[in-house]
Amino acid sequence: MQKNREVLDETSFDILRKVPDSSGQMSLAKELDISIGKVNYVLNALIDKGLIKVENFKNSNNKIAYRYLLTQKGVIEKFELTKYFIERKKLEYDELQKELEILSKKT
C-alpha cells in the first residue's frame, strides 16, 4: 500500500511540475509516459484537493479545451513535494555511496 502511495505522490508531483507548461491531458500523458486515464485520475484528485483549477478556452481548431492551472495552494504543495523528493533522492544517493564503499572494500 505504501508503494502505491509513493507512486501516486510521485505522479502527482510530476503533474504539478508539468501542468503550467502542458497543453492538456494528452500532452501530460505523453511527457510523463503514463496513460491518459491515470492523468485524468490524478488531475481530478488534485482538483478535489484544490491544488489545480480548470479553465475553459477555445483552441486553434475553435473547439472548447481545458487549461489546468496551479492554485496558490498548488504552488505551495509543489514546493513542499519538491523539498520532499530532493531529500528522498539525497538519502538514496547516500545509501548508494555506502553500498559502493562496501563493495569496493570487498574487491
N, C-alpha and C. Protein backbone atom coordinates (compact mmCIF):
# COMPACT_ATOMS: atom_id res chain seq x y z
N MET A 1 0.83 -1.20 0.00
CA MET A 1 0.00 0.00 0.00
C MET A 1 0.87 1.26 0.00
N GLN A 2 1.96 1.25 0.78
CA GLN A 2 2.86 2.40 0.83
C GLN A 2 3.48 2.66 -0.54
N LYS A 3 3.83 1.59 -1.27
CA LYS A 3 4.43 1.73 -2.60
C LYS A 3 3.45 2.42 -3.55
N ASN A 4 2.17 2.04 -3.51
CA ASN A 4 1.16 2.69 -4.36
C ASN A 4 1.04 4.16 -4.03
N ARG A 5 1.10 4.49 -2.75
CA ARG A 5 1.01 5.89 -2.33
C ARG A 5 2.21 6.68 -2.85
N GLU A 6 3.40 6.07 -2.77
CA GLU A 6 4.60 6.74 -3.27
C GLU A 6 4.50 6.99 -4.77
N VAL A 7 3.99 6.00 -5.51
CA VAL A 7 3.83 6.16 -6.95
C VAL A 7 2.84 7.27 -7.24
N LEU A 8 1.72 7.29 -6.51
CA LEU A 8 0.72 8.33 -6.71
C LEU A 8 1.30 9.69 -6.34
N ASP A 9 2.05 9.76 -5.23
CA ASP A 9 2.68 11.03 -4.85
C ASP A 9 3.66 11.49 -5.92
N GLU A 10 4.42 10.54 -6.46
CA GLU A 10 5.39 10.90 -7.49
C GLU A 10 4.67 11.36 -8.76
N THR A 11 3.58 10.68 -9.12
CA THR A 11 2.80 11.10 -10.29
C THR A 11 2.17 12.45 -10.04
N SER A 12 1.64 12.67 -8.85
CA SER A 12 1.07 13.98 -8.50
C SER A 12 2.13 15.06 -8.61
N PHE A 13 3.30 14.78 -8.10
CA PHE A 13 4.41 15.74 -8.17
C PHE A 13 4.78 16.03 -9.62
N ASP A 14 4.89 14.98 -10.43
CA ASP A 14 5.22 15.17 -11.84
C ASP A 14 4.17 16.02 -12.55
N ILE A 15 2.91 15.76 -12.25
CA ILE A 15 1.84 16.54 -12.88
C ILE A 15 1.86 17.98 -12.39
N LEU A 16 2.07 18.19 -11.10
CA LEU A 16 2.17 19.56 -10.59
C LEU A 16 3.33 20.31 -11.24
N ARG A 17 4.42 19.60 -11.52
CA ARG A 17 5.57 20.23 -12.17
C ARG A 17 5.27 20.58 -13.62
N LYS A 18 4.55 19.70 -14.32
CA LYS A 18 4.35 19.85 -15.76
C LYS A 18 3.11 20.66 -16.14
N VAL A 19 2.13 20.75 -15.26
CA VAL A 19 0.86 21.41 -15.59
C VAL A 19 1.03 22.82 -16.16
N PRO A 20 1.86 23.67 -15.59
CA PRO A 20 1.95 25.03 -16.13
C PRO A 20 2.37 25.10 -17.60
N ASP A 21 3.13 24.12 -18.07
CA ASP A 21 3.63 24.14 -19.44
C ASP A 21 2.88 23.21 -20.39
N SER A 22 1.91 22.47 -19.87
CA SER A 22 1.25 21.46 -20.70
C SER A 22 0.08 22.07 -21.47
N SER A 23 -0.29 21.37 -22.53
CA SER A 23 -1.44 21.82 -23.32
C SER A 23 -2.65 20.92 -23.10
N GLY A 24 -2.60 20.04 -22.13
CA GLY A 24 -3.75 19.20 -21.83
C GLY A 24 -3.34 17.82 -21.36
N GLN A 25 -4.36 16.98 -21.16
CA GLN A 25 -4.12 15.65 -20.61
C GLN A 25 -3.28 14.78 -21.54
N MET A 26 -3.52 14.88 -22.83
CA MET A 26 -2.78 14.04 -23.76
C MET A 26 -1.29 14.39 -23.74
N SER A 27 -0.97 15.67 -23.70
CA SER A 27 0.44 16.06 -23.67
C SER A 27 1.08 15.65 -22.34
N LEU A 28 0.33 15.76 -21.24
CA LEU A 28 0.86 15.30 -19.95
C LEU A 28 1.15 13.80 -19.99
N ALA A 29 0.21 13.04 -20.53
CA ALA A 29 0.38 11.59 -20.61
C ALA A 29 1.62 11.23 -21.43
N LYS A 30 1.81 11.91 -22.55
CA LYS A 30 2.98 11.63 -23.39
C LYS A 30 4.28 12.03 -22.68
N GLU A 31 4.29 13.21 -22.08
CA GLU A 31 5.50 13.68 -21.40
C GLU A 31 5.89 12.78 -20.24
N LEU A 32 4.89 12.31 -19.50
CA LEU A 32 5.16 11.51 -18.30
C LEU A 32 5.16 10.01 -18.58
N ASP A 33 4.83 9.64 -19.82
CA ASP A 33 4.77 8.23 -20.22
C ASP A 33 3.83 7.42 -19.32
N ILE A 34 2.63 7.98 -19.13
CA ILE A 34 1.58 7.29 -18.38
C ILE A 34 0.29 7.39 -19.19
N SER A 35 -0.71 6.62 -18.80
CA SER A 35 -1.97 6.61 -19.55
C SER A 35 -2.76 7.90 -19.31
N ILE A 36 -3.60 8.22 -20.27
CA ILE A 36 -4.48 9.38 -20.12
C ILE A 36 -5.43 9.16 -18.95
N GLY A 37 -5.85 7.92 -18.75
CA GLY A 37 -6.72 7.60 -17.62
C GLY A 37 -6.07 7.92 -16.29
N LYS A 38 -4.79 7.60 -16.16
CA LYS A 38 -4.07 7.90 -14.92
C LYS A 38 -3.92 9.41 -14.75
N VAL A 39 -3.61 10.11 -15.84
CA VAL A 39 -3.50 11.57 -15.79
C VAL A 39 -4.83 12.15 -15.33
N ASN A 40 -5.92 11.67 -15.92
CA ASN A 40 -7.25 12.15 -15.57
C ASN A 40 -7.56 11.90 -14.09
N TYR A 41 -7.25 10.70 -13.62
CA TYR A 41 -7.50 10.34 -12.22
C TYR A 41 -6.73 11.25 -11.27
N VAL A 42 -5.44 11.44 -11.55
CA VAL A 42 -4.60 12.26 -10.67
C VAL A 42 -5.01 13.73 -10.75
N LEU A 43 -5.30 14.22 -11.96
CA LEU A 43 -5.75 15.61 -12.11
C LEU A 43 -7.02 15.85 -11.30
N ASN A 44 -7.97 14.93 -11.39
CA ASN A 44 -9.22 15.09 -10.63
C ASN A 44 -8.97 15.09 -9.13
N ALA A 45 -8.04 14.25 -8.68
CA ALA A 45 -7.69 14.24 -7.25
C ALA A 45 -7.06 15.57 -6.85
N LEU A 46 -6.20 16.11 -7.71
CA LEU A 46 -5.55 17.40 -7.42
C LEU A 46 -6.56 18.55 -7.46
N ILE A 47 -7.53 18.45 -8.35
CA ILE A 47 -8.60 19.46 -8.41
C ILE A 47 -9.43 19.39 -7.14
N ASP A 48 -9.78 18.16 -6.72
CA ASP A 48 -10.57 17.98 -5.49
C ASP A 48 -9.84 18.53 -4.26
N LYS A 49 -8.52 18.43 -4.26
CA LYS A 49 -7.72 18.95 -3.13
C LYS A 49 -7.52 20.46 -3.22
N GLY A 50 -7.95 21.06 -4.34
CA GLY A 50 -7.80 22.50 -4.51
C GLY A 50 -6.41 22.92 -4.95
N LEU A 51 -5.64 21.99 -5.52
CA LEU A 51 -4.28 22.29 -5.94
C LEU A 51 -4.21 22.76 -7.40
N ILE A 52 -5.22 22.37 -8.17
CA ILE A 52 -5.29 22.75 -9.58
C ILE A 52 -6.70 23.24 -9.86
N LYS A 53 -6.79 24.26 -10.73
CA LYS A 53 -8.10 24.69 -11.19
C LYS A 53 -8.15 24.54 -12.71
N VAL A 54 -9.36 24.47 -13.24
CA VAL A 54 -9.57 24.23 -14.66
C VAL A 54 -10.22 25.45 -15.27
N GLU A 55 -9.72 25.86 -16.43
CA GLU A 55 -10.34 26.95 -17.19
C GLU A 55 -10.68 26.44 -18.58
N ASN A 56 -11.81 26.87 -19.11
CA ASN A 56 -12.18 26.55 -20.49
C ASN A 56 -11.62 27.61 -21.41
N PHE A 57 -11.23 27.20 -22.61
CA PHE A 57 -10.83 28.16 -23.64
C PHE A 57 -11.04 27.52 -24.99
N LYS A 58 -11.06 28.32 -26.03
CA LYS A 58 -11.19 27.78 -27.39
C LYS A 58 -9.79 27.60 -27.96
N ASN A 59 -9.52 26.40 -28.47
CA ASN A 59 -8.20 26.15 -29.05
C ASN A 59 -8.17 26.60 -30.51
N SER A 60 -7.06 26.32 -31.18
CA SER A 60 -6.89 26.80 -32.56
C SER A 60 -7.90 26.19 -33.53
N ASN A 61 -8.46 25.04 -33.19
CA ASN A 61 -9.50 24.43 -34.03
C ASN A 61 -10.88 24.92 -33.65
N ASN A 62 -10.94 25.95 -32.83
CA ASN A 62 -12.19 26.54 -32.36
C ASN A 62 -13.03 25.56 -31.54
N LYS A 63 -12.36 24.61 -30.90
CA LYS A 63 -13.04 23.66 -30.01
C LYS A 63 -12.81 24.10 -28.57
N ILE A 64 -13.75 23.73 -27.72
CA ILE A 64 -13.58 24.00 -26.29
C ILE A 64 -12.50 23.06 -25.76
N ALA A 65 -11.54 23.62 -25.06
CA ALA A 65 -10.47 22.83 -24.46
C ALA A 65 -10.32 23.28 -23.01
N TYR A 66 -9.51 22.56 -22.27
CA TYR A 66 -9.29 22.87 -20.87
C TYR A 66 -7.84 23.24 -20.64
N ARG A 67 -7.65 24.22 -19.78
CA ARG A 67 -6.31 24.60 -19.35
C ARG A 67 -6.26 24.35 -17.85
N TYR A 68 -5.20 23.72 -17.40
CA TYR A 68 -5.04 23.41 -15.98
C TYR A 68 -4.03 24.38 -15.39
N LEU A 69 -4.40 25.00 -14.29
CA LEU A 69 -3.55 25.99 -13.63
C LEU A 69 -3.34 25.63 -12.17
N LEU A 70 -2.14 25.89 -11.69
CA LEU A 70 -1.88 25.69 -10.26
C LEU A 70 -2.57 26.79 -9.46
N THR A 71 -3.17 26.40 -8.37
CA THR A 71 -3.72 27.39 -7.44
C THR A 71 -2.60 27.80 -6.49
N GLN A 72 -2.87 28.78 -5.65
CA GLN A 72 -1.89 29.19 -4.63
C GLN A 72 -1.52 27.98 -3.76
N LYS A 73 -2.53 27.22 -3.38
CA LYS A 73 -2.31 26.02 -2.58
C LYS A 73 -1.47 25.00 -3.37
N GLY A 74 -1.70 24.92 -4.68
CA GLY A 74 -0.94 24.02 -5.54
C GLY A 74 0.52 24.39 -5.63
N VAL A 75 0.79 25.69 -5.69
CA VAL A 75 2.18 26.17 -5.74
C VAL A 75 2.90 25.79 -4.45
N ILE A 76 2.23 25.96 -3.33
CA ILE A 76 2.82 25.61 -2.03
C ILE A 76 3.06 24.10 -1.95
N GLU A 77 2.08 23.31 -2.38
CA GLU A 77 2.22 21.85 -2.36
C GLU A 77 3.36 21.40 -3.28
N LYS A 78 3.46 22.02 -4.45
CA LYS A 78 4.55 21.70 -5.38
C LYS A 78 5.90 21.97 -4.72
N PHE A 79 6.01 23.09 -4.03
CA PHE A 79 7.24 23.44 -3.32
C PHE A 79 7.56 22.40 -2.24
N GLU A 80 6.55 22.03 -1.45
CA GLU A 80 6.75 21.05 -0.37
C GLU A 80 7.14 19.69 -0.94
N LEU A 81 6.47 19.26 -2.01
CA LEU A 81 6.81 17.98 -2.63
C LEU A 81 8.21 18.02 -3.23
N THR A 82 8.61 19.15 -3.78
CA THR A 82 9.96 19.30 -4.32
C THR A 82 10.99 19.09 -3.22
N LYS A 83 10.77 19.72 -2.07
CA LYS A 83 11.69 19.54 -0.93
C LYS A 83 11.74 18.08 -0.51
N TYR A 84 10.56 17.44 -0.43
CA TYR A 84 10.46 16.04 -0.02
C TYR A 84 11.24 15.14 -0.98
N PHE A 85 11.04 15.32 -2.29
CA PHE A 85 11.71 14.46 -3.26
C PHE A 85 13.21 14.71 -3.31
N ILE A 86 13.64 15.93 -3.13
CA ILE A 86 15.09 16.22 -3.08
C ILE A 86 15.70 15.51 -1.88
N GLU A 87 15.04 15.60 -0.75
CA GLU A 87 15.54 14.94 0.47
C GLU A 87 15.59 13.43 0.26
N ARG A 88 14.54 12.87 -0.34
CA ARG A 88 14.50 11.43 -0.59
C ARG A 88 15.62 11.00 -1.54
N LYS A 89 15.87 11.79 -2.57
CA LYS A 89 16.93 11.46 -3.53
C LYS A 89 18.31 11.57 -2.86
N LYS A 90 18.48 12.52 -1.95
CA LYS A 90 19.74 12.63 -1.22
C LYS A 90 19.98 11.38 -0.37
N LEU A 91 18.93 10.89 0.29
CA LEU A 91 19.05 9.68 1.10
C LEU A 91 19.39 8.48 0.23
N GLU A 92 18.73 8.36 -0.92
CA GLU A 92 19.02 7.27 -1.85
C GLU A 92 20.48 7.34 -2.30
N TYR A 93 20.94 8.54 -2.59
CA TYR A 93 22.32 8.75 -3.02
C TYR A 93 23.30 8.31 -1.93
N ASP A 94 23.03 8.73 -0.69
CA ASP A 94 23.89 8.35 0.44
C ASP A 94 23.93 6.84 0.62
N GLU A 95 22.78 6.18 0.48
CA GLU A 95 22.73 4.72 0.61
C GLU A 95 23.54 4.05 -0.49
N LEU A 96 23.44 4.57 -1.70
CA LEU A 96 24.21 4.01 -2.81
C LEU A 96 25.71 4.22 -2.60
N GLN A 97 26.09 5.37 -2.08
CA GLN A 97 27.50 5.64 -1.79
C GLN A 97 28.03 4.64 -0.77
N LYS A 98 27.26 4.38 0.28
CA LYS A 98 27.67 3.42 1.30
C LYS A 98 27.81 2.02 0.69
N GLU A 99 26.85 1.67 -0.14
CA GLU A 99 26.89 0.36 -0.78
C GLU A 99 28.11 0.23 -1.69
N LEU A 100 28.43 1.28 -2.42
CA LEU A 100 29.62 1.27 -3.28
C LEU A 100 30.90 1.13 -2.46
N GLU A 101 30.96 1.80 -1.33
CA GLU A 101 32.13 1.69 -0.45
C GLU A 101 32.31 0.26 0.04
N ILE A 102 31.21 -0.35 0.45
CA ILE A 102 31.25 -1.73 0.94
C ILE A 102 31.71 -2.67 -0.18
N LEU A 103 31.15 -2.49 -1.37
CA LEU A 103 31.51 -3.35 -2.50
C LEU A 103 32.96 -3.15 -2.92
N SER A 104 33.44 -1.93 -2.89
CA SER A 104 34.83 -1.68 -3.29
C SER A 104 35.82 -2.22 -2.26
N LYS A 105 35.43 -2.30 -1.00
CA LYS A 105 36.30 -2.88 0.04
C LYS A 105 36.40 -4.39 -0.12
N LYS A 106 35.33 -5.01 -0.65
CA LYS A 106 35.32 -6.46 -0.83
C LYS A 106 36.18 -6.90 -2.00
N THR A 107 36.46 -5.99 -2.92
CA THR A 107 37.24 -6.38 -4.11
C THR A 107 38.71 -6.07 -3.99
